[in-house]
Amino acid sequence: MHRFYLPNLQQATLGAEEAHHALNVLRLKAGDTVNVFDGRGHEAQASISQISNQSVQLKLLTQSNAAPLPCRITLAQAIPKKSMDLIVQKATELGVATIVPLVSERSVVKLDDDSKKTERWREIALESCKQCGNNWLPEIQSQRKAHDFLAALPQYDLKLIGSLQPDAKPLKKILGDSVKPSSILILIGPEGDFTPAELNLAKSAGCLPLSLGPLVLRAETAAIYTLSILHHELQNR
């Protein structure tokens, strides 16, 4: 069944982009049944009650709520040169609550004020929610310098930073030594990893160095690998 984003289920009218997709791409008609979700855990089955001037009015039939995942995961990802779109897509599929795009000292990309990138990532997250059935739309924050983010970290039950240093521990070891957290921060570096200064700043803020195995993983592989394990270990309970 076709699935659409409806920020307020109490106002059952599709937004302009969603209405365009429904009418001009999918060719839906009055009487057709669709699913809608608000990105905050609520979903409804609805029928198209009226179409006028490229506007789609809905009649809600049944509603349901999806509880948030047991562990709220924040991915702070140093923006790679090419694969941030993929990371956002897969992180959404794996139920990440928040994505913080970072620019590290070793990042190839530079911090800019181009809000179009952030908006694009939000659109990718939304499309991923539609595709995978996730009713919780992740928050995509604006780009930040890694140093600034690390200097003022919010509170998390567990904070991890991917590291190639000798003191990094495997994820299984870290999780085995910890009480199951309800919130986790995972920091993944750019090509070339975080700088020693950034890593030391993260450690001073309580981040535990995390080993991702003996091989050097690409940024997108490191993010998806870590999130997959966290999802398996923490979200299915």
C-alpha atoms as a PDB file:
ATOM      1  CA  MET A   1       0.000   0.000   0.000  1.00  0.00           C
ATOM      2  CA  HIS A   2       1.303   3.476  -0.843  1.00  0.00           C
ATOM      3  CA  ARG A   3       2.662   5.401   2.127  1.00  0.00           C
ATOM      4  CA  PHE A   4       2.678   9.176   2.630  1.00  0.00           C
ATOM      5  CA  TYR A   5       4.026  11.648   5.154  1.00  0.00           C
ATOM      6  CA  LEU A   6       1.354  13.614   7.005  1.00  0.00           C
ATOM      7  CA  PRO A   7       2.896  15.755   9.795  1.00  0.00           C
ATOM      8  CA  ASN A   8      -0.442  16.211  11.573  1.00  0.00           C
ATOM      9  CA  LEU A   9      -2.869  13.318  11.366  1.00  0.00           C
ATOM     10  CA  GLN A  10      -5.618  15.588  12.670  1.00  0.00           C
ATOM     11  CA  GLN A  11      -5.336  17.695   9.507  1.00  0.00           C
ATOM     12  CA  ALA A  12      -5.914  15.031   6.896  1.00  0.00           C
ATOM     13  CA  THR A  13      -4.733  16.869   3.784  1.00  0.00           C
ATOM     14  CA  LEU A  14      -1.584  15.849   1.969  1.00  0.00           C
ATOM     15  CA  GLY A  15       1.076  18.515   1.485  1.00  0.00           C
ATOM     16  CA  ALA A  16       1.829  19.818  -1.982  1.00  0.00           C
ATOM     17  CA  GLU A  17       4.706  17.430  -2.766  1.00  0.00           C
ATOM     18  CA  GLU A  18       2.902  14.395  -1.401  1.00  0.00           C
ATOM     19  CA  ALA A  19      -0.281  15.332  -3.268  1.00  0.00           C
ATOM     20  CA  HIS A  20       1.676  15.763  -6.508  1.00  0.00           C
ATOM     21  CA  HIS A  21       3.218  12.317  -6.066  1.00  0.00           C
ATOM     22  CA  ALA A  22      -0.153  10.744  -5.298  1.00  0.00           C
ATOM     23  CA  LEU A  23      -1.988  12.322  -8.227  1.00  0.00           C
ATOM     24  CA  ASN A  24       0.591  12.774 -10.975  1.00  0.00           C
ATOM     25  CA  VAL A  25       2.975   9.885 -10.330  1.00  0.00           C
ATOM     26  CA  LEU A  26       0.851   7.166  -8.750  1.00  0.00           C
ATOM     27  CA  ARG A  27      -2.397   8.296 -10.408  1.00  0.00           C
ATOM     28  CA  LEU A  28      -4.436   7.624  -7.281  1.00  0.00           C
ATOM     29  CA  LYS A  29      -8.138   8.411  -7.292  1.00  0.00           C
ATOM     30  CA  ALA A  30     -10.906   9.122  -4.809  1.00  0.00           C
ATOM     31  CA  GLY A  31     -11.719   5.959  -2.887  1.00  0.00           C
ATOM     32  CA  ASP A  32      -8.179   4.574  -3.017  1.00  0.00           C
ATOM     33  CA  THR A  33      -6.662   3.509   0.303  1.00  0.00           C
ATOM     34  CA  VAL A  34      -3.253   4.702   1.516  1.00  0.00           C
ATOM     35  CA  ASN A  35      -1.129   4.682   4.662  1.00  0.00           C
ATOM     36  CA  VAL A  36       0.022   7.924   6.299  1.00  0.00           C
ATOM     37  CA  PHE A  37       2.474   8.546   9.151  1.00  0.00           C
ATOM     38  CA  ASP A  38       3.547  11.639  11.067  1.00  0.00           C
ATOM     39  CA  GLY A  39       7.202  10.787  11.786  1.00  0.00           C
ATOM     40  CA  ARG A  40       6.529  10.695  15.546  1.00  0.00           C
ATOM     41  CA  GLY A  41       5.320   7.125  15.835  1.00  0.00           C
ATOM     42  CA  HIS A  42       1.740   7.525  14.633  1.00  0.00           C
ATOM     43  CA  GLU A  43       0.348   5.820  11.552  1.00  0.00           C
ATOM     44  CA  ALA A  44      -3.095   5.592   9.977  1.00  0.00           C
ATOM     45  CA  GLN A  45      -4.843   3.884   7.146  1.00  0.00           C
ATOM     46  CA  ALA A  46      -6.894   6.365   5.159  1.00  0.00           C
ATOM     47  CA  SER A  47      -9.006   6.614   2.047  1.00  0.00           C
ATOM     48  CA  ILE A  48      -8.859   9.467  -0.431  1.00  0.00           C
ATOM     49  CA  SER A  49     -12.142  11.266   0.133  1.00  0.00           C
ATOM     50  CA  GLN A  50     -11.774  14.219  -2.227  1.00  0.00           C
ATOM     51  CA  ILE A  51      -9.456  15.546  -4.927  1.00  0.00           C
ATOM     52  CA  SER A  52      -9.641  19.185  -6.001  1.00  0.00           C
ATOM     53  CA  ASN A  53      -7.102  21.598  -7.520  1.00  0.00           C
ATOM     54  CA  GLN A  54      -4.240  19.174  -6.923  1.00  0.00           C
ATOM     55  CA  SER A  55      -5.279  18.860  -3.270  1.00  0.00           C
ATOM     56  CA  VAL A  56      -5.846  15.452  -1.670  1.00  0.00           C
ATOM     57  CA  GLN A  57      -8.262  15.182   1.243  1.00  0.00           C
ATOM     58  CA  LEU A  58      -8.178  12.037   3.335  1.00  0.00           C
ATOM     59  CA  LYS A  59     -10.556  10.214   5.632  1.00  0.00           C
ATOM     60  CA  LEU A  60      -8.763   8.348   8.411  1.00  0.00           C
ATOM     61  CA  LEU A  61     -10.002   4.786   8.838  1.00  0.00           C
ATOM     62  CA  THR A  62      -7.795   3.202  11.501  1.00  0.00           C
ATOM     63  CA  GLN A  63      -4.905   4.551  13.569  1.00  0.00           C
ATOM     64  CA  SER A  64      -2.004   2.886  15.388  1.00  0.00           C
ATOM     65  CA  ASN A  65       1.038   3.930  17.382  1.00  0.00           C
ATOM     66  CA  ALA A  66       4.578   2.538  17.208  1.00  0.00           C
ATOM     67  CA  ALA A  67       6.611   2.788  20.393  1.00  0.00           C
ATOM     68  CA  PRO A  68      10.101   4.288  20.006  1.00  0.00           C
ATOM     69  CA  LEU A  69      12.971   1.835  19.933  1.00  0.00           C
ATOM     70  CA  PRO A  70      14.341   0.906  23.377  1.00  0.00           C
ATOM     71  CA  CYS A  71      17.648   2.672  22.774  1.00  0.00           C
ATOM     72  CA  ARG A  72      17.841   6.148  21.280  1.00  0.00           C
ATOM     73  CA  ILE A  73      20.913   6.229  19.019  1.00  0.00           C
ATOM     74  CA  THR A  74      22.602   9.395  17.824  1.00  0.00           C
ATOM     75  CA  LEU A  75      25.058   9.073  14.932  1.00  0.00           C
ATOM     76  CA  ALA A  76      27.578  11.889  14.758  1.00  0.00           C
ATOM     77  CA  GLN A  77      29.111  11.310  11.344  1.00  0.00           C
ATOM     78  CA  ALA A  78      32.060  13.157   9.859  1.00  0.00           C
ATOM     79  CA  ILE A  79      30.815  13.949   6.357  1.00  0.00           C
ATOM     80  CA  PRO A  80      32.614  11.745   3.812  1.00  0.00           C
ATOM     81  CA  LYS A  81      33.412  12.985   0.345  1.00  0.00           C
ATOM     82  CA  LYS A  82      30.704  11.031  -1.475  1.00  0.00           C
ATOM     83  CA  SER A  83      28.608   8.679   0.653  1.00  0.00           C
ATOM     84  CA  MET A  84      26.685  10.808   3.181  1.00  0.00           C
ATOM     85  CA  ASP A  85      23.433  10.180   1.291  1.00  0.00           C
ATOM     86  CA  LEU A  86      23.897   6.431   1.697  1.00  0.00           C
ATOM     87  CA  ILE A  87      24.738   6.779   5.391  1.00  0.00           C
ATOM     88  CA  VAL A  88      21.589   8.816   6.060  1.00  0.00           C
ATOM     89  CA  GLN A  89      19.461   6.293   4.172  1.00  0.00           C
ATOM     90  CA  LYS A  90      20.825   3.239   5.963  1.00  0.00           C
ATOM     91  CA  ALA A  91      20.920   4.926   9.388  1.00  0.00           C
ATOM     92  CA  THR A  92      17.221   5.706   9.005  1.00  0.00           C
ATOM     93  CA  GLU A  93      16.486   2.093   8.090  1.00  0.00           C
ATOM     94  CA  LEU A  94      18.335   1.023  11.240  1.00  0.00           C
ATOM     95  CA  GLY A  95      16.233   3.275  13.450  1.00  0.00           C
ATOM     96  CA  VAL A  96      18.687   6.028  14.354  1.00  0.00           C
ATOM     97  CA  ALA A  97      16.995   8.860  16.253  1.00  0.00           C
ATOM     98  CA  THR A  98      19.397  11.696  15.381  1.00  0.00           C
ATOM     99  CA  ILE A  99      22.109  12.287  12.784  1.00  0.00           C
ATOM    100  CA  VAL A 100      24.685  15.015  13.357  1.00  0.00           C
ATOM    101  CA  PRO A 101      26.795  15.799  10.256  1.00  0.00           C
ATOM    102  CA  LEU A 102      30.283  16.801  11.373  1.00  0.00           C
ATOM    103  CA  VAL A 103      33.224  18.437   9.655  1.00  0.00           C
ATOM    104  CA  SER A 104      36.483  17.160  11.115  1.00  0.00           C
ATOM    105  CA  GLU A 105      39.945  18.629  10.674  1.00  0.00           C
ATOM    106  CA  ARG A 106      40.689  15.797   8.249  1.00  0.00           C
ATOM    107  CA  SER A 107      37.396  15.995   6.381  1.00  0.00           C
ATOM    108  CA  VAL A 108      37.702  16.497   2.651  1.00  0.00           C
ATOM    109  CA  VAL A 109      34.489  18.531   2.647  1.00  0.00           C
ATOM    110  CA  LYS A 110      34.452  21.914   4.346  1.00  0.00           C
ATOM    111  CA  LEU A 111      31.886  23.433   6.665  1.00  0.00           C
ATOM    112  CA  ASP A 112      29.517  25.655   4.728  1.00  0.00           C
ATOM    113  CA  ASP A 113      26.185  27.384   5.176  1.00  0.00           C
ATOM    114  CA  ASP A 114      24.527  25.490   2.352  1.00  0.00           C
ATOM    115  CA  SER A 115      21.214  24.480   3.900  1.00  0.00           C
ATOM    116  CA  LYS A 116      20.383  22.609   0.684  1.00  0.00           C
ATOM    117  CA  LYS A 117      22.609  19.727   1.784  1.00  0.00           C
ATOM    118  CA  THR A 118      20.837  19.402   5.116  1.00  0.00           C
ATOM    119  CA  GLU A 119      17.457  19.615   3.406  1.00  0.00           C
ATOM    120  CA  ARG A 120      18.509  16.921   0.945  1.00  0.00           C
ATOM    121  CA  TRP A 121      19.503  14.601   3.801  1.00  0.00           C
ATOM    122  CA  ARG A 122      16.156  15.231   5.486  1.00  0.00           C
ATOM    123  CA  GLU A 123      14.380  14.321   2.257  1.00  0.00           C
ATOM    124  CA  ILE A 124      16.439  11.124   1.999  1.00  0.00           C
ATOM    125  CA  ALA A 125      15.531  10.212   5.581  1.00  0.00           C
ATOM    126  CA  LEU A 126      11.861  10.815   4.842  1.00  0.00           C
ATOM    127  CA  GLU A 127      11.925   8.672   1.710  1.00  0.00           C
ATOM    128  CA  SER A 128      13.719   5.953   3.647  1.00  0.00           C
ATOM    129  CA  CYS A 129      11.002   6.037   6.342  1.00  0.00           C
ATOM    130  CA  LYS A 130       8.362   5.640   3.658  1.00  0.00           C
ATOM    131  CA  GLN A 131      10.172   2.701   2.103  1.00  0.00           C
ATOM    132  CA  CYS A 132      11.104   0.750   5.231  1.00  0.00           C
ATOM    133  CA  GLY A 133       8.001   1.394   7.350  1.00  0.00           C
ATOM    134  CA  ASN A 134       9.799   3.357  10.068  1.00  0.00           C
ATOM    135  CA  ASN A 135       7.236   5.647  11.715  1.00  0.00           C
ATOM    136  CA  TRP A 136       9.922   7.638  13.559  1.00  0.00           C
ATOM    137  CA  LEU A 137      11.581  10.239  11.350  1.00  0.00           C
ATOM    138  CA  PRO A 138      15.159  10.920  12.527  1.00  0.00           C
ATOM    139  CA  GLU A 139      16.270  14.434  13.323  1.00  0.00           C
ATOM    140  CA  ILE A 140      18.925  15.613  10.857  1.00  0.00           C
ATOM    141  CA  GLN A 141      20.857  18.435  12.484  1.00  0.00           C
ATOM    142  CA  SER A 142      22.767  21.168  10.679  1.00  0.00           C
ATOM    143  CA  GLN A 143      26.459  20.721   9.908  1.00  0.00           C
ATOM    144  CA  ARG A 144      28.847  21.436  12.779  1.00  0.00           C
ATOM    145  CA  LYS A 145      32.573  21.409  13.347  1.00  0.00           C
ATOM    146  CA  ALA A 146      33.617  18.245  15.166  1.00  0.00           C
ATOM    147  CA  HIS A 147      35.566  20.267  17.720  1.00  0.00           C
ATOM    148  CA  ASP A 148      32.542  22.398  18.589  1.00  0.00           C
ATOM    149  CA  PHE A 149      30.296  19.360  18.934  1.00  0.00           C
ATOM    150  CA  LEU A 150      32.775  17.483  21.115  1.00  0.00           C
ATOM    151  CA  ALA A 151      33.329  20.511  23.343  1.00  0.00           C
ATOM    152  CA  ALA A 152      29.665  20.591  24.372  1.00  0.00           C
ATOM    153  CA  LEU A 153      28.299  17.053  24.223  1.00  0.00           C
ATOM    154  CA  PRO A 154      24.761  16.446  25.440  1.00  0.00           C
ATOM    155  CA  GLN A 155      24.112  13.730  28.013  1.00  0.00           C
ATOM    156  CA  TYR A 156      24.090  10.093  26.840  1.00  0.00           C
ATOM    157  CA  ASP A 157      24.153   6.819  28.753  1.00  0.00           C
ATOM    158  CA  LEU A 158      26.998   5.603  26.548  1.00  0.00           C
ATOM    159  CA  LYS A 159      29.328   7.559  24.277  1.00  0.00           C
ATOM    160  CA  LEU A 160      31.518   5.844  21.697  1.00  0.00           C
ATOM    161  CA  ILE A 161      34.020   7.015  19.118  1.00  0.00           C
ATOM    162  CA  GLY A 162      35.337   4.820  16.332  1.00  0.00           C
ATOM    163  CA  SER A 163      39.092   4.653  16.680  1.00  0.00           C
ATOM    164  CA  LEU A 164      42.135   3.026  15.105  1.00  0.00           C
ATOM    165  CA  GLN A 165      44.186   3.521  18.283  1.00  0.00           C
ATOM    166  CA  PRO A 166      45.554   0.577  20.332  1.00  0.00           C
ATOM    167  CA  ASP A 167      43.336   1.343  23.348  1.00  0.00           C
ATOM    168  CA  ALA A 168      40.107   0.898  21.355  1.00  0.00           C
ATOM    169  CA  LYS A 169      37.879  -1.971  22.502  1.00  0.00           C
ATOM    170  CA  PRO A 170      35.474  -4.132  20.469  1.00  0.00           C
ATOM    171  CA  LEU A 171      31.811  -3.214  20.664  1.00  0.00           C
ATOM    172  CA  LYS A 172      30.870  -6.569  22.200  1.00  0.00           C
ATOM    173  CA  LYS A 173      33.323  -5.961  25.056  1.00  0.00           C
ATOM    174  CA  ILE A 174      32.043  -2.427  25.691  1.00  0.00           C
ATOM    175  CA  LEU A 175      28.396  -3.502  25.676  1.00  0.00           C
ATOM    176  CA  GLY A 176      29.178  -6.473  27.911  1.00  0.00           C
ATOM    177  CA  ASP A 177      30.752  -4.179  30.483  1.00  0.00           C
ATOM    178  CA  SER A 178      27.842  -1.695  30.440  1.00  0.00           C
ATOM    179  CA  VAL A 179      24.308  -1.656  31.752  1.00  0.00           C
ATOM    180  CA  LYS A 180      22.006  -1.665  28.739  1.00  0.00           C
ATOM    181  CA  PRO A 181      21.790   2.007  27.783  1.00  0.00           C
ATOM    182  CA  SER A 182      18.670   3.914  26.766  1.00  0.00           C
ATOM    183  CA  SER A 183      20.727   6.442  24.781  1.00  0.00           C
ATOM    184  CA  ILE A 184      23.963   6.085  22.818  1.00  0.00           C
ATOM    185  CA  LEU A 185      26.187   8.465  20.898  1.00  0.00           C
ATOM    186  CA  ILE A 186      28.412   6.956  18.223  1.00  0.00           C
ATOM    187  CA  LEU A 187      31.014   9.117  16.484  1.00  0.00           C
ATOM    188  CA  ILE A 188      32.398   7.955  13.138  1.00  0.00           C
ATOM    189  CA  GLY A 189      35.341   9.791  11.628  1.00  0.00           C
ATOM    190  CA  PRO A 190      36.197  10.851   8.080  1.00  0.00           C
ATOM    191  CA  GLU A 191      38.674   9.408   5.644  1.00  0.00           C
ATOM    192  CA  GLY A 192      41.878   9.325   7.693  1.00  0.00           C
ATOM    193  CA  ASP A 193      40.049   9.154  11.046  1.00  0.00           C
ATOM    194  CA  PHE A 194      39.686  11.877  13.662  1.00  0.00           C
ATOM    195  CA  THR A 195      42.837  13.777  14.571  1.00  0.00           C
ATOM    196  CA  PRO A 196      44.600  12.967  17.873  1.00  0.00           C
ATOM    197  CA  ALA A 197      43.353  16.302  19.247  1.00  0.00           C
ATOM    198  CA  GLU A 198      39.736  15.460  18.354  1.00  0.00           C
ATOM    199  CA  LEU A 199      40.085  11.960  19.791  1.00  0.00           C
ATOM    200  CA  ASN A 200      41.541  13.317  23.039  1.00  0.00           C
ATOM    201  CA  LEU A 201      38.729  15.854  23.273  1.00  0.00           C
ATOM    202  CA  ALA A 202      36.199  13.068  22.797  1.00  0.00           C
ATOM    203  CA  LYS A 203      37.852  10.966  25.483  1.00  0.00           C
ATOM    204  CA  SER A 204      37.830  13.875  27.911  1.00  0.00           C
ATOM    205  CA  ALA A 205      34.092  14.171  27.253  1.00  0.00           C
ATOM    206  CA  GLY A 206      33.587  10.527  28.244  1.00  0.00           C
ATOM    207  CA  CYS A 207      33.676   8.842  24.824  1.00  0.00           C
ATOM    208  CA  LEU A 208      35.057   5.308  24.822  1.00  0.00           C
ATOM    209  CA  PRO A 209      37.363   4.395  21.908  1.00  0.00           C
ATOM    210  CA  LEU A 210      35.642   1.754  19.799  1.00  0.00           C
ATOM    211  CA  SER A 211      37.470  -0.770  17.617  1.00  0.00           C
ATOM    212  CA  LEU A 212      35.718  -1.869  14.433  1.00  0.00           C
ATOM    213  CA  GLY A 213      38.047  -4.790  13.834  1.00  0.00           C
ATOM    214  CA  PRO A 214      41.489  -5.287  12.299  1.00  0.00           C
ATOM    215  CA  LEU A 215      40.572  -3.868   8.889  1.00  0.00           C
ATOM    216  CA  VAL A 216      40.339  -0.182   8.023  1.00  0.00           C
ATOM    217  CA  LEU A 217      36.720   0.428   7.020  1.00  0.00           C
ATOM    218  CA  ARG A 218      35.391   3.122   4.758  1.00  0.00           C
ATOM    219  CA  ALA A 219      33.330   5.772   6.542  1.00  0.00           C
ATOM    220  CA  GLU A 220      30.011   4.459   5.250  1.00  0.00           C
ATOM    221  CA  THR A 221      30.936   0.862   6.070  1.00  0.00           C
ATOM    222  CA  ALA A 222      31.998   1.831   9.591  1.00  0.00           C
ATOM    223  CA  ALA A 223      28.705   3.614  10.238  1.00  0.00           C
ATOM    224  CA  ILE A 224      26.471   0.858   8.857  1.00  0.00           C
ATOM    225  CA  TYR A 225      28.506  -1.876  10.568  1.00  0.00           C
ATOM    226  CA  THR A 226      28.312  -0.204  13.970  1.00  0.00           C
ATOM    227  CA  LEU A 227      24.641   0.702  13.708  1.00  0.00           C
ATOM    228  CA  SER A 228      23.738  -2.819  12.598  1.00  0.00           C
ATOM    229  CA  ILE A 229      25.397  -4.350  15.652  1.00  0.00           C
ATOM    230  CA  LEU A 230      23.824  -1.806  17.989  1.00  0.00           C
ATOM    231  CA  HIS A 231      20.420  -2.459  16.454  1.00  0.00           C
ATOM    232  CA  HIS A 232      20.837  -6.207  16.911  1.00  0.00           C
ATOM    233  CA  GLU A 233      22.142  -5.982  20.473  1.00  0.00           C
ATOM    234  CA  LEU A 234      19.960  -3.197  21.868  1.00  0.00           C
ATOM    235  CA  GLN A 235      16.797  -2.702  19.855  1.00  0.00           C
ATOM    236  CA  ASN A 236      15.353  -6.209  19.874  1.00  0.00           C
ATOM    237  CA  ARG A 237      14.494  -6.489  23.533  1.00  0.00           C
END
